[in-house]
Protein backbone atom coordinates (compact mmCIF):
# COMPACT_ATOMS: atom_id res chain seq x y z
CA MET A 1 7.57 -31.77 -9.61
CA ALA A 2 10.25 -29.19 -10.37
CA PHE A 3 10.50 -25.92 -8.52
CA GLU A 4 9.26 -23.13 -10.78
CA GLY A 5 9.94 -20.08 -8.61
CA LEU A 6 7.99 -17.97 -6.20
CA ALA A 7 4.81 -16.22 -7.26
CA THR A 8 2.04 -16.51 -4.67
CA ILE A 9 2.07 -14.95 -1.23
CA GLY A 10 0.30 -17.12 1.33
CA GLN A 11 0.88 -15.10 4.49
CA ILE A 12 2.29 -11.75 5.61
CA HIS A 13 3.48 -11.12 9.17
CA LEU A 14 3.51 -7.88 11.15
CA SER A 15 4.90 -7.68 14.67
CA VAL A 16 2.70 -6.10 17.31
CA SER A 17 3.22 -5.41 21.00
CA ASP A 18 -0.32 -6.30 22.14
CA VAL A 19 -2.26 -8.88 20.13
CA ASP A 20 -5.58 -8.14 21.87
CA ALA A 21 -5.38 -4.44 20.99
CA ALA A 22 -4.19 -5.27 17.47
CA VAL A 23 -7.16 -7.61 16.93
CA VAL A 24 -9.52 -4.77 17.83
CA PHE A 25 -7.70 -2.45 15.39
CA TYR A 26 -7.56 -4.84 12.44
CA ARG A 27 -10.96 -6.52 12.99
CA ASP A 28 -13.10 -3.70 14.35
CA LEU A 29 -11.58 -0.52 12.93
CA LEU A 30 -10.29 -1.82 9.59
CA GLY A 31 -12.98 -4.48 9.20
CA LEU A 32 -10.67 -7.34 8.16
CA PRO A 33 -12.26 -10.77 8.41
CA PHE A 34 -10.88 -12.43 11.55
CA LEU A 35 -9.82 -16.04 10.97
CA PHE A 36 -8.50 -17.37 14.26
CA ARG A 37 -6.36 -16.83 17.32
CA VAL A 38 -3.77 -19.42 18.36
CA PRO A 39 -4.54 -20.62 21.91
CA ALA A 40 -1.84 -19.72 24.43
CA GLN A 41 0.21 -17.92 21.76
CA PRO A 42 0.32 -14.16 21.07
CA MET A 43 -0.81 -14.43 17.42
CA ALA A 44 -3.93 -13.83 15.37
CA PHE A 45 -4.81 -14.25 11.71
CA PHE A 46 -7.01 -12.34 9.26
CA ASP A 47 -8.14 -13.02 5.70
CA CYS A 48 -7.12 -10.48 3.06
CA ASP A 49 -8.86 -11.94 0.02
CA GLY A 50 -7.05 -15.25 0.28
CA VAL A 51 -3.76 -13.98 1.73
CA ARG A 52 -3.44 -14.43 5.50
CA LEU A 53 -2.30 -11.47 7.56
CA TYR A 54 -0.55 -12.81 10.67
CA ILE A 55 -0.12 -10.37 13.56
CA GLY A 56 1.84 -11.47 16.56
CA GLU A 57 4.20 -10.66 19.37
CA PRO A 58 7.67 -11.86 18.35
CA GLU A 59 9.37 -14.51 20.48
CA THR A 60 12.65 -12.56 20.30
CA GLU A 61 13.82 -9.34 18.69
CA ALA A 62 15.39 -11.41 15.90
CA TYR A 63 11.85 -12.15 14.68
CA ARG A 64 10.46 -8.61 14.95
CA THR A 65 9.16 -7.48 11.58
CA ARG A 66 8.38 -4.07 10.29
CA GLY A 67 6.70 -3.98 6.97
CA MET A 68 4.18 -2.16 4.89
CA VAL A 69 0.87 -3.57 3.78
CA TYR A 70 -1.10 -1.99 0.93
CA PHE A 71 -4.83 -2.79 1.02
CA ALA A 72 -6.40 -2.68 -2.46
CA VAL A 73 -9.84 -1.09 -2.33
CA PRO A 74 -12.28 -0.26 -5.15
CA ASP A 75 -12.60 3.40 -4.09
CA VAL A 76 -9.84 4.92 -1.96
CA ASP A 77 -11.93 8.01 -1.16
CA ALA A 78 -14.86 5.97 0.17
CA ALA A 79 -12.56 3.69 2.20
CA TYR A 80 -10.70 6.71 3.59
CA ALA A 81 -13.98 8.34 4.64
CA GLU A 82 -15.29 5.16 6.30
CA LEU A 83 -12.07 4.38 8.18
CA THR A 84 -11.69 8.02 9.28
CA SER A 85 -15.23 7.85 10.71
CA ARG A 86 -14.16 4.75 12.68
CA GLY A 87 -11.24 6.64 14.23
CA VAL A 88 -8.34 5.60 12.00
CA GLN A 89 -5.77 8.40 11.88
CA PHE A 90 -4.34 8.94 8.39
CA MET A 91 -1.02 10.61 7.61
CA ASP A 92 -2.43 12.13 4.43
CA GLU A 93 -5.52 12.26 2.26
CA PRO A 94 -5.98 10.10 -0.83
CA HIS A 95 -3.71 11.34 -3.60
CA VAL A 96 -2.21 10.31 -6.93
CA VAL A 97 1.12 8.52 -6.58
CA HIS A 98 1.45 7.47 -10.22
CA ARG A 99 -0.26 8.21 -13.50
CA ASP A 100 0.58 7.12 -17.01
CA ASP A 101 -1.35 6.78 -20.27
CA HIS A 102 -3.20 3.70 -19.05
CA SER A 103 -3.91 4.03 -15.34
CA GLU A 104 -3.81 6.14 -12.20
CA ILE A 105 -2.84 4.88 -8.74
CA ARG A 106 -4.16 6.74 -5.69
CA MET A 107 -3.16 6.02 -2.09
CA ALA A 108 -3.67 7.18 1.49
CA PHE A 109 -1.26 6.19 4.27
CA PHE A 110 -1.81 5.37 7.94
CA ARG A 111 -0.25 3.33 10.77
CA ASP A 112 -1.42 0.68 13.18
CA LEU A 113 -0.96 0.81 16.96
CA ASP A 114 2.69 -0.35 16.61
CA ASP A 115 3.62 2.14 13.88
CA ASN A 116 3.53 -0.47 11.11
CA ASN A 117 2.95 1.41 7.87
CA LEU A 118 -0.32 0.66 6.09
CA ALA A 119 -1.94 2.11 3.00
CA LEU A 120 -5.14 2.09 1.02
CA MET A 121 -4.67 1.90 -2.74
CA THR A 122 -6.89 2.11 -5.80
CA GLU A 123 -5.73 1.64 -9.37
CA VAL A 124 -8.07 2.98 -12.00
CA ARG A 125 -7.73 2.25 -15.70
CA LEU A 126 -7.97 5.47 -17.69
CA ASP A 127 -10.48 5.49 -20.52
CA HIS A 128 -9.22 7.51 -23.45
CA THR A 129 -12.23 6.95 -25.64
CA SER A 130 -14.39 9.93 -26.43
CA GLY A 131 -17.97 9.50 -27.22
């Protein structure tokens, strides 16, 4: 079989300093489905609708990652309200980051315990029919 290029993301990694605390944040505060913890290793995995989120303490600084994960939600305002009630500290309220003739994208940004940037995002198709 010939290589056809990259298209599907199977796993995303974020470095954390304390896996136990990060599991509480991602599982209990954010509500991500917890998959498993690797025995005797500082790493844990969550399911993000078929893409694994891998959080772990890096073996060396060469493997420390800093990324940004955007969580797609059906209603950014409802997700923002729920996560705020659970104690998640947001950097801003949900707001429009892009609008064109066909859709509007709204986001709200926050950070995890290790200052990894995270965001909620909702894209809504605009209906231009009048009736």
